[in-house]
């Protein structure tokens, strides 16, 4: 479960088509980006939780492949991921 340093709250309005724009502070807190999938979990009377859906390896396999790109080591990949995670925390 995603943990935030402090509680984040916002409101949004439901359109006639049942659509809602997720407020920026909520998108930032959940690290949501365009194209991400979210799920709504109803937890009882009048309470629901919105959470990001983690992607499975099969869903993203091969999406980063480019024939002209030079391969990098797992260590370089881990460092790039670490840097991105640190940048997203700010």
PDB file of N, CA and C in Angstrom:
ATOM      1  N   UNK A   1       0.832  -1.181   0.000  1.00  0.00           N
ATOM      2  CA  UNK A   1       0.000   0.000   0.000  1.00  0.00           C
ATOM      3  C   UNK A   1       0.882   1.251   0.000  1.00  0.00           C
ATOM      4  N   UNK A   2       0.478   2.216  -0.795  1.00  0.00           N
ATOM      5  CA  UNK A   2       1.226   3.467  -0.909  1.00  0.00           C
ATOM      6  C   UNK A   2       1.080   4.277   0.366  1.00  0.00           C
ATOM      7  N   UNK A   3       2.183   4.774   0.878  1.00  0.00           N
ATOM      8  CA  UNK A   3       2.152   5.593   2.083  1.00  0.00           C
ATOM      9  C   UNK A   3       2.573   7.005   1.737  1.00  0.00           C
ATOM     10  N   UNK A   4       1.814   7.965   2.215  1.00  0.00           N
ATOM     11  CA  UNK A   4       2.140   9.376   2.030  1.00  0.00           C
ATOM     12  C   UNK A   4       2.604   9.934   3.366  1.00  0.00           C
ATOM     13  N   UNK A   5       3.415  10.973   3.316  1.00  0.00           N
ATOM     14  CA  UNK A   5       3.884  11.603   4.543  1.00  0.00           C
ATOM     15  C   UNK A   5       2.731  12.201   5.332  1.00  0.00           C
ATOM     16  N   UNK A   6       1.742  12.705   4.622  1.00  0.00           N
ATOM     17  CA  UNK A   6       0.590  13.298   5.276  1.00  0.00           C
ATOM     18  C   UNK A   6      -0.644  12.967   4.455  1.00  0.00           C
ATOM     19  N   UNK A   7      -1.789  13.115   5.058  1.00  0.00           N
ATOM     20  CA  UNK A   7      -3.026  12.838   4.357  1.00  0.00           C
ATOM     21  C   UNK A   7      -3.231  13.859   3.245  1.00  0.00           C
ATOM     22  N   UNK A   8      -3.616  13.386   2.078  1.00  0.00           N
ATOM     23  CA  UNK A   8      -3.881  14.245   0.940  1.00  0.00           C
ATOM     24  C   UNK A   8      -5.358  14.139   0.605  1.00  0.00           C
ATOM     25  N   UNK A   9      -6.011  15.272   0.444  1.00  0.00           N
ATOM     26  CA  UNK A   9      -7.436  15.276   0.191  1.00  0.00           C
ATOM     27  C   UNK A   9      -7.770  16.302  -0.877  1.00  0.00           C
ATOM     28  N   UNK A  10      -8.803  16.007  -1.670  1.00  0.00           N
ATOM     29  CA  UNK A  10      -9.267  16.933  -2.695  1.00  0.00           C
ATOM     30  C   UNK A  10     -10.686  16.539  -3.078  1.00  0.00           C
ATOM     31  N   UNK A  11     -11.358  17.422  -3.780  1.00  0.00           N
ATOM     32  CA  UNK A  11     -12.695  17.116  -4.276  1.00  0.00           C
ATOM     33  C   UNK A  11     -12.711  17.254  -5.788  1.00  0.00           C
ATOM     34  N   UNK A  12     -13.666  16.582  -6.416  1.00  0.00           N
ATOM     35  CA  UNK A  12     -13.846  16.664  -7.861  1.00  0.00           C
ATOM     36  C   UNK A  12     -15.339  16.511  -8.143  1.00  0.00           C
ATOM     37  N   UNK A  13     -15.757  16.926  -9.322  1.00  0.00           N
ATOM     38  CA  UNK A  13     -17.165  16.871  -9.699  1.00  0.00           C
ATOM     39  C   UNK A  13     -17.385  15.792 -10.749  1.00  0.00           C
ATOM     40  N   UNK A  14     -18.426  14.997 -10.557  1.00  0.00           N
ATOM     41  CA  UNK A  14     -18.798  13.946 -11.486  1.00  0.00           C
ATOM     42  C   UNK A  14     -19.559  14.567 -12.657  1.00  0.00           C
ATOM     43  N   UNK A  15     -19.157  14.242 -13.899  1.00  0.00           N
ATOM     44  CA  UNK A  15     -19.850  14.774 -15.076  1.00  0.00           C
ATOM     45  C   UNK A  15     -21.080  13.924 -15.373  1.00  0.00           C
ATOM     46  N   UNK A  16     -21.896  14.380 -16.316  1.00  0.00           N
ATOM     47  CA  UNK A  16     -23.101  13.634 -16.704  1.00  0.00           C
ATOM     48  C   UNK A  16     -22.755  12.282 -17.327  1.00  0.00           C
ATOM     49  N   UNK A  17     -21.507  12.124 -17.793  1.00  0.00           N
ATOM     50  CA  UNK A  17     -21.065  10.852 -18.365  1.00  0.00           C
ATOM     51  C   UNK A  17     -20.365   9.974 -17.326  1.00  0.00           C
ATOM     52  N   UNK A  18     -20.386  10.384 -16.064  1.00  0.00           N
ATOM     53  CA  UNK A  18     -19.757   9.597 -15.009  1.00  0.00           C
ATOM     54  C   UNK A  18     -18.252   9.757 -14.934  1.00  0.00           C
ATOM     55  N   UNK A  19     -17.722  10.812 -15.519  1.00  0.00           N
ATOM     56  CA  UNK A  19     -16.278  11.043 -15.533  1.00  0.00           C
ATOM     57  C   UNK A  19     -15.868  12.008 -14.426  1.00  0.00           C
ATOM     58  N   UNK A  20     -14.644  11.791 -13.937  1.00  0.00           N
ATOM     59  CA  UNK A  20     -14.076  12.644 -12.892  1.00  0.00           C
ATOM     60  C   UNK A  20     -12.634  12.961 -13.285  1.00  0.00           C
ATOM     61  N   UNK A  21     -12.224  14.201 -13.117  1.00  0.00           N
ATOM     62  CA  UNK A  21     -10.825  14.563 -13.289  1.00  0.00           C
ATOM     63  C   UNK A  21     -10.153  14.422 -11.929  1.00  0.00           C
ATOM     64  N   UNK A  22      -9.097  13.631 -11.867  1.00  0.00           N
ATOM     65  CA  UNK A  22      -8.382  13.441 -10.608  1.00  0.00           C
ATOM     66  C   UNK A  22      -7.542  14.699 -10.371  1.00  0.00           C
ATOM     67  N   UNK A  23      -7.745  15.369  -9.246  1.00  0.00           N
ATOM     68  CA  UNK A  23      -6.996  16.605  -8.975  1.00  0.00           C
ATOM     69  C   UNK A  23      -5.486  16.379  -8.996  1.00  0.00           C
ATOM     70  N   UNK A  24      -4.754  17.408  -9.409  1.00  0.00           N
ATOM     71  CA  UNK A  24      -3.296  17.300  -9.567  1.00  0.00           C
ATOM     72  C   UNK A  24      -2.596  16.856  -8.299  1.00  0.00           C
ATOM     73  N   UNK A  25      -3.001  17.375  -7.131  1.00  0.00           N
ATOM     74  CA  UNK A  25      -2.293  16.984  -5.909  1.00  0.00           C
ATOM     75  C   UNK A  25      -2.474  15.490  -5.615  1.00  0.00           C
ATOM     76  N   UNK A  26      -3.603  14.913  -6.012  1.00  0.00           N
ATOM     77  CA  UNK A  26      -3.824  13.480  -5.827  1.00  0.00           C
ATOM     78  C   UNK A  26      -3.002  12.693  -6.842  1.00  0.00           C
ATOM     79  N   UNK A  27      -2.989  13.149  -8.107  1.00  0.00           N
ATOM     80  CA  UNK A  27      -2.158  12.484  -9.123  1.00  0.00           C
ATOM     81  C   UNK A  27      -0.696  12.495  -8.711  1.00  0.00           C
ATOM     82  N   UNK A  28      -0.237  13.634  -8.191  1.00  0.00           N
ATOM     83  CA  UNK A  28       1.155  13.734  -7.744  1.00  0.00           C
ATOM     84  C   UNK A  28       1.427  12.798  -6.565  1.00  0.00           C
ATOM     85  N   UNK A  29       0.522  12.755  -5.599  1.00  0.00           N
ATOM     86  CA  UNK A  29       0.720  11.913  -4.415  1.00  0.00           C
ATOM     87  C   UNK A  29       0.773  10.435  -4.779  1.00  0.00           C
ATOM     88  N   UNK A  30       0.015  10.029  -5.812  1.00  0.00           N
ATOM     89  CA  UNK A  30      -0.020   8.625  -6.240  1.00  0.00           C
ATOM     90  C   UNK A  30       0.934   8.342  -7.392  1.00  0.00           C
ATOM     91  N   UNK A  31       1.669   9.369  -7.833  1.00  0.00           N
ATOM     92  CA  UNK A  31       2.614   9.245  -8.958  1.00  0.00           C
ATOM     93  C   UNK A  31       1.907   8.723 -10.206  1.00  0.00           C
ATOM     94  N   UNK A  32       0.713   9.241 -10.478  1.00  0.00           N
ATOM     95  CA  UNK A  32      -0.051   8.842 -11.652  1.00  0.00           C
ATOM     96  C   UNK A  32       0.379   9.662 -12.860  1.00  0.00           C
ATOM     97  N   UNK A  33       0.438   8.995 -13.994  1.00  0.00           N
ATOM     98  CA  UNK A  33       0.783   9.648 -15.250  1.00  0.00           C
ATOM     99  C   UNK A  33      -0.254   9.281 -16.299  1.00  0.00           C
ATOM    100  N   UNK A  34      -0.305  10.022 -17.376  1.00  0.00           N
ATOM    101  CA  UNK A  34      -1.224   9.749 -18.465  1.00  0.00           C
ATOM    102  C   UNK A  34      -1.098   8.289 -18.903  1.00  0.00           C
ATOM    103  N   UNK A  35      -2.233   7.619 -19.026  1.00  0.00           N
ATOM    104  CA  UNK A  35      -2.240   6.229 -19.459  1.00  0.00           C
ATOM    105  C   UNK A  35      -2.213   5.220 -18.329  1.00  0.00           C
ATOM    106  N   UNK A  36      -1.938   5.655 -17.110  1.00  0.00           N
ATOM    107  CA  UNK A  36      -1.941   4.734 -15.974  1.00  0.00           C
ATOM    108  C   UNK A  36      -3.357   4.221 -15.715  1.00  0.00           C
ATOM    109  N   UNK A  37      -3.428   3.043 -15.131  1.00  0.00           N
ATOM    110  CA  UNK A  37      -4.706   2.448 -14.768  1.00  0.00           C
ATOM    111  C   UNK A  37      -4.905   2.603 -13.273  1.00  0.00           C
ATOM    112  N   UNK A  38      -6.142   2.918 -12.891  1.00  0.00           N
ATOM    113  CA  UNK A  38      -6.470   3.009 -11.469  1.00  0.00           C
ATOM    114  C   UNK A  38      -7.661   2.101 -11.202  1.00  0.00           C
ATOM    115  N   UNK A  39      -7.826   1.725  -9.953  1.00  0.00           N
ATOM    116  CA  UNK A  39      -9.000   0.944  -9.586  1.00  0.00           C
ATOM    117  C   UNK A  39      -9.708   1.622  -8.425  1.00  0.00           C
ATOM    118  N   UNK A  40     -11.008   1.409  -8.377  1.00  0.00           N
ATOM    119  CA  UNK A  40     -11.836   1.925  -7.296  1.00  0.00           C
ATOM    120  C   UNK A  40     -12.300   0.730  -6.485  1.00  0.00           C
ATOM    121  N   UNK A  41     -12.074   0.773  -5.178  1.00  0.00           N
ATOM    122  CA  UNK A  41     -12.475  -0.306  -4.291  1.00  0.00           C
ATOM    123  C   UNK A  41     -13.497   0.252  -3.309  1.00  0.00           C
ATOM    124  N   UNK A  42     -14.705  -0.305  -3.336  1.00  0.00           N
ATOM    125  CA  UNK A  42     -15.738   0.122  -2.398  1.00  0.00           C
ATOM    126  C   UNK A  42     -15.515  -0.655  -1.099  1.00  0.00           C
ATOM    127  N   UNK A  43     -15.357   0.095  -0.004  1.00  0.00           N
ATOM    128  CA  UNK A  43     -15.027  -0.511   1.284  1.00  0.00           C
ATOM    129  C   UNK A  43     -16.156  -0.372   2.300  1.00  0.00           C
ATOM    130  N   UNK A  44     -17.338  -0.440   1.847  1.00  0.00           N
ATOM    131  CA  UNK A  44     -18.458  -0.319   2.767  1.00  0.00           C
ATOM    132  C   UNK A  44     -19.334   0.847   2.386  1.00  0.00           C
ATOM    133  N   UNK A  45     -20.297   1.076   3.214  1.00  0.00           N
ATOM    134  CA  UNK A  45     -21.302   2.098   2.941  1.00  0.00           C
ATOM    135  C   UNK A  45     -20.666   3.494   2.860  1.00  0.00           C
ATOM    136  N   UNK A  46     -20.704   4.076   1.682  1.00  0.00           N
ATOM    137  CA  UNK A  46     -20.242   5.442   1.514  1.00  0.00           C
ATOM    138  C   UNK A  46     -18.741   5.641   1.505  1.00  0.00           C
ATOM    139  N   UNK A  47     -17.949   4.566   1.384  1.00  0.00           N
ATOM    140  CA  UNK A  47     -16.493   4.718   1.397  1.00  0.00           C
ATOM    141  C   UNK A  47     -15.886   3.950   0.228  1.00  0.00           C
ATOM    142  N   UNK A  48     -14.997   4.634  -0.518  1.00  0.00           N
ATOM    143  CA  UNK A  48     -14.291   4.010  -1.630  1.00  0.00           C
ATOM    144  C   UNK A  48     -12.846   4.480  -1.626  1.00  0.00           C
ATOM    145  N   UNK A  49     -11.976   3.646  -2.173  1.00  0.00           N
ATOM    146  CA  UNK A  49     -10.553   3.960  -2.255  1.00  0.00           C
ATOM    147  C   UNK A  49     -10.146   3.910  -3.720  1.00  0.00           C
ATOM    148  N   UNK A  50      -9.361   4.882  -4.149  1.00  0.00           N
ATOM    149  CA  UNK A  50      -8.788   4.920  -5.483  1.00  0.00           C
ATOM    150  C   UNK A  50      -7.319   4.550  -5.337  1.00  0.00           C
ATOM    151  N   UNK A  51      -6.848   3.607  -6.153  1.00  0.00           N
ATOM    152  CA  UNK A  51      -5.429   3.257  -6.071  1.00  0.00           C
ATOM    153  C   UNK A  51      -4.890   2.878  -7.444  1.00  0.00           C
ATOM    154  N   UNK A  52      -3.597   3.139  -7.665  1.00  0.00           N
ATOM    155  CA  UNK A  52      -2.985   2.784  -8.945  1.00  0.00           C
ATOM    156  C   UNK A  52      -2.894   1.273  -9.078  1.00  0.00           C
ATOM    157  N   UNK A  53      -3.004   0.790 -10.302  1.00  0.00           N
ATOM    158  CA  UNK A  53      -2.862  -0.635 -10.584  1.00  0.00           C
ATOM    159  C   UNK A  53      -1.441  -0.862 -11.077  1.00  0.00           C
ATOM    160  N   UNK A  54      -0.730  -1.767 -10.433  1.00  0.00           N
ATOM    161  CA  UNK A  54       0.629  -2.093 -10.865  1.00  0.00           C
ATOM    162  C   UNK A  54       0.575  -2.870 -12.162  1.00  0.00           C
ATOM    163  N   UNK A  55       1.487  -2.576 -13.042  1.00  0.00           N
ATOM    164  CA  UNK A  55       1.539  -3.287 -14.309  1.00  0.00           C
ATOM    165  C   UNK A  55       2.322  -4.586 -14.139  1.00  0.00           C
ATOM    166  N   UNK A  56       1.870  -5.615 -14.843  1.00  0.00           N
ATOM    167  CA  UNK A  56       2.573  -6.892 -14.836  1.00  0.00           C
ATOM    168  C   UNK A  56       3.633  -6.862 -15.932  1.00  0.00           C
ATOM    169  N   UNK A  57       4.685  -7.648 -15.766  1.00  0.00           N
ATOM    170  CA  UNK A  57       5.792  -7.653 -16.724  1.00  0.00           C
ATOM    171  C   UNK A  57       5.308  -7.925 -18.147  1.00  0.00           C
ATOM    172  N   UNK A  58       4.336  -8.804 -18.305  1.00  0.00           N
ATOM    173  CA  UNK A  58       3.828  -9.139 -19.633  1.00  0.00           C
ATOM    174  C   UNK A  58       3.178  -7.965 -20.339  1.00  0.00           C
ATOM    175  N   UNK A  59       2.646  -7.014 -19.575  1.00  0.00           N
ATOM    176  CA  UNK A  59       1.985  -5.853 -20.169  1.00  0.00           C
ATOM    177  C   UNK A  59       2.989  -4.856 -20.748  1.00  0.00           C
ATOM    178  N   UNK A  60       4.183  -4.819 -20.205  1.00  0.00           N
ATOM    179  CA  UNK A  60       5.175  -3.844 -20.645  1.00  0.00           C
ATOM    180  C   UNK A  60       6.356  -4.471 -21.384  1.00  0.00           C
ATOM    181  N   UNK A  61       6.384  -5.811 -21.485  1.00  0.00           N
ATOM    182  CA  UNK A  61       7.496  -6.495 -22.133  1.00  0.00           C
ATOM    183  C   UNK A  61       7.681  -5.988 -23.560  1.00  0.00           C
ATOM    184  N   UNK A  62       8.890  -5.602 -23.878  1.00  0.00           N
ATOM    185  CA  UNK A  62       9.240  -5.174 -25.225  1.00  0.00           C
ATOM    186  C   UNK A  62       8.898  -3.735 -25.562  1.00  0.00           C
ATOM    187  N   UNK A  63       8.236  -3.014 -24.688  1.00  0.00           N
ATOM    188  CA  UNK A  63       7.831  -1.642 -24.991  1.00  0.00           C
ATOM    189  C   UNK A  63       9.015  -0.683 -25.026  1.00  0.00           C
ATOM    190  N   UNK A  64      10.092  -1.032 -24.375  1.00  0.00           N
ATOM    191  CA  UNK A  64      11.256  -0.150 -24.350  1.00  0.00           C
ATOM    192  C   UNK A  64      12.281  -0.494 -25.423  1.00  0.00           C
ATOM    193  N   UNK A  65      12.061  -1.581 -26.155  1.00  0.00           N
ATOM    194  CA  UNK A  65      13.028  -2.029 -27.143  1.00  0.00           C
ATOM    195  C   UNK A  65      13.116  -1.056 -28.315  1.00  0.00           C
ATOM    196  N   UNK A  66      14.356  -0.688 -28.634  1.00  0.00           N
ATOM    197  CA  UNK A  66      14.656   0.088 -29.841  1.00  0.00           C
ATOM    198  C   UNK A  66      15.955  -0.459 -30.388  1.00  0.00           C
ATOM    199  N   UNK A  67      15.914  -0.899 -31.618  1.00  0.00           N
ATOM    200  CA  UNK A  67      17.084  -1.543 -32.223  1.00  0.00           C
ATOM    201  C   UNK A  67      18.325  -0.657 -32.192  1.00  0.00           C
ATOM    202  N   UNK A  68      18.143   0.658 -32.338  1.00  0.00           N
ATOM    203  CA  UNK A  68      19.290   1.565 -32.388  1.00  0.00           C
ATOM    204  C   UNK A  68      19.843   1.920 -31.009  1.00  0.00           C
ATOM    205  N   UNK A  69      19.125   1.557 -29.954  1.00  0.00           N
ATOM    206  CA  UNK A  69      19.557   1.910 -28.602  1.00  0.00           C
ATOM    207  C   UNK A  69      20.585   0.894 -28.091  1.00  0.00           C
ATOM    208  N   UNK A  70      21.629   1.397 -27.440  1.00  0.00           N
ATOM    209  CA  UNK A  70      22.667   0.539 -26.873  1.00  0.00           C
ATOM    210  C   UNK A  70      22.155  -0.077 -25.568  1.00  0.00           C
ATOM    211  N   UNK A  71      22.409  -1.365 -25.374  1.00  0.00           N
ATOM    212  CA  UNK A  71      21.973  -2.059 -24.160  1.00  0.00           C
ATOM    213  C   UNK A  71      22.706  -1.492 -22.942  1.00  0.00           C
ATOM    214  N   UNK A  72      22.017  -1.526 -21.780  1.00  0.00           N
ATOM    215  CA  UNK A  72      22.662  -1.104 -20.533  1.00  0.00           C
ATOM    216  C   UNK A  72      22.593  -2.243 -19.529  1.00  0.00           C
ATOM    217  N   UNK A  73      23.419  -2.160 -18.523  1.00  0.00           N
ATOM    218  CA  UNK A  73      23.503  -3.229 -17.527  1.00  0.00           C
ATOM    219  C   UNK A  73      22.349  -3.115 -16.524  1.00  0.00           C
ATOM    220  N   UNK A  74      22.061  -4.207 -15.809  1.00  0.00           N
ATOM    221  CA  UNK A  74      21.049  -4.141 -14.750  1.00  0.00           C
ATOM    222  C   UNK A  74      21.389  -3.086 -13.693  1.00  0.00           C
ATOM    223  N   UNK A  75      22.672  -2.905 -13.423  1.00  0.00           N
ATOM    224  CA  UNK A  75      23.091  -1.891 -12.452  1.00  0.00           C
ATOM    225  C   UNK A  75      22.727  -0.486 -12.936  1.00  0.00           C
ATOM    226  N   UNK A  76      22.935  -0.228 -14.226  1.00  0.00           N
ATOM    227  CA  UNK A  76      22.568   1.071 -14.793  1.00  0.00           C
ATOM    228  C   UNK A  76      21.050   1.263 -14.746  1.00  0.00           C
ATOM    229  N   UNK A  77      20.306   0.195 -15.008  1.00  0.00           N
ATOM    230  CA  UNK A  77      18.842   0.266 -14.926  1.00  0.00           C
ATOM    231  C   UNK A  77      18.397   0.589 -13.501  1.00  0.00           C
ATOM    232  N   UNK A  78      18.980  -0.114 -12.532  1.00  0.00           N
ATOM    233  CA  UNK A  78      18.623   0.121 -11.130  1.00  0.00           C
ATOM    234  C   UNK A  78      18.925   1.552 -10.709  1.00  0.00           C
ATOM    235  N   UNK A  79      20.045   2.082 -11.148  1.00  0.00           N
ATOM    236  CA  UNK A  79      20.412   3.454 -10.811  1.00  0.00           C
ATOM    237  C   UNK A  79      19.418   4.442 -11.431  1.00  0.00           C
ATOM    238  N   UNK A  80      19.033   4.207 -12.676  1.00  0.00           N
ATOM    239  CA  UNK A  80      18.067   5.087 -13.337  1.00  0.00           C
ATOM    240  C   UNK A  80      16.713   5.045 -12.612  1.00  0.00           C
ATOM    241  N   UNK A  81      16.289   3.861 -12.194  1.00  0.00           N
ATOM    242  CA  UNK A  81      15.033   3.723 -11.454  1.00  0.00           C
ATOM    243  C   UNK A  81      15.126   4.446 -10.121  1.00  0.00           C
ATOM    244  N   UNK A  82      16.249   4.274  -9.424  1.00  0.00           N
ATOM    245  CA  UNK A  82      16.441   4.935  -8.130  1.00  0.00           C
ATOM    246  C   UNK A  82      16.361   6.454  -8.284  1.00  0.00           C
ATOM    247  N   UNK A  83      17.026   6.977  -9.288  1.00  0.00           N
ATOM    248  CA  UNK A  83      17.017   8.426  -9.525  1.00  0.00           C
ATOM    249  C   UNK A  83      15.603   8.925  -9.825  1.00  0.00           C
ATOM    250  N   UNK A  84      14.853   8.175 -10.628  1.00  0.00           N
ATOM    251  CA  UNK A  84      13.473   8.576 -10.971  1.00  0.00           C
ATOM    252  C   UNK A  84      12.589   8.558  -9.711  1.00  0.00           C
ATOM    253  N   UNK A  85      12.743   7.554  -8.885  1.00  0.00           N
ATOM    254  CA  UNK A  85      11.943   7.462  -7.665  1.00  0.00           C
ATOM    255  C   UNK A  85      12.246   8.610  -6.736  1.00  0.00           C
ATOM    256  N   UNK A  86      13.519   8.966  -6.600  1.00  0.00           N
ATOM    257  CA  UNK A  86      13.895  10.087  -5.754  1.00  0.00           C
ATOM    258  C   UNK A  86      13.329  11.405  -6.297  1.00  0.00           C
ATOM    259  N   UNK A  87      13.355  11.555  -7.618  1.00  0.00           N
ATOM    260  CA  UNK A  87      12.820  12.754  -8.250  1.00  0.00           C
ATOM    261  C   UNK A  87      11.302  12.851  -8.054  1.00  0.00           C
ATOM    262  N   UNK A  88      10.603  11.723  -8.077  1.00  0.00           N
ATOM    263  CA  UNK A  88       9.146  11.714  -7.911  1.00  0.00           C
ATOM    264  C   UNK A  88       8.709  12.002  -6.473  1.00  0.00           C
ATOM    265  N   UNK A  89       9.574  11.809  -5.517  1.00  0.00           N
ATOM    266  CA  UNK A  89       9.235  12.052  -4.111  1.00  0.00           C
ATOM    267  C   UNK A  89       9.148  13.536  -3.794  1.00  0.00           C
ATOM    268  N   UNK A  90       9.788  14.355  -4.599  1.00  0.00           N
ATOM    269  CA  UNK A  90       9.851  15.808  -4.312  1.00  0.00           C
ATOM    270  C   UNK A  90       8.549  16.480  -4.574  1.00  0.00           C
TER     271      UNK A  90
END
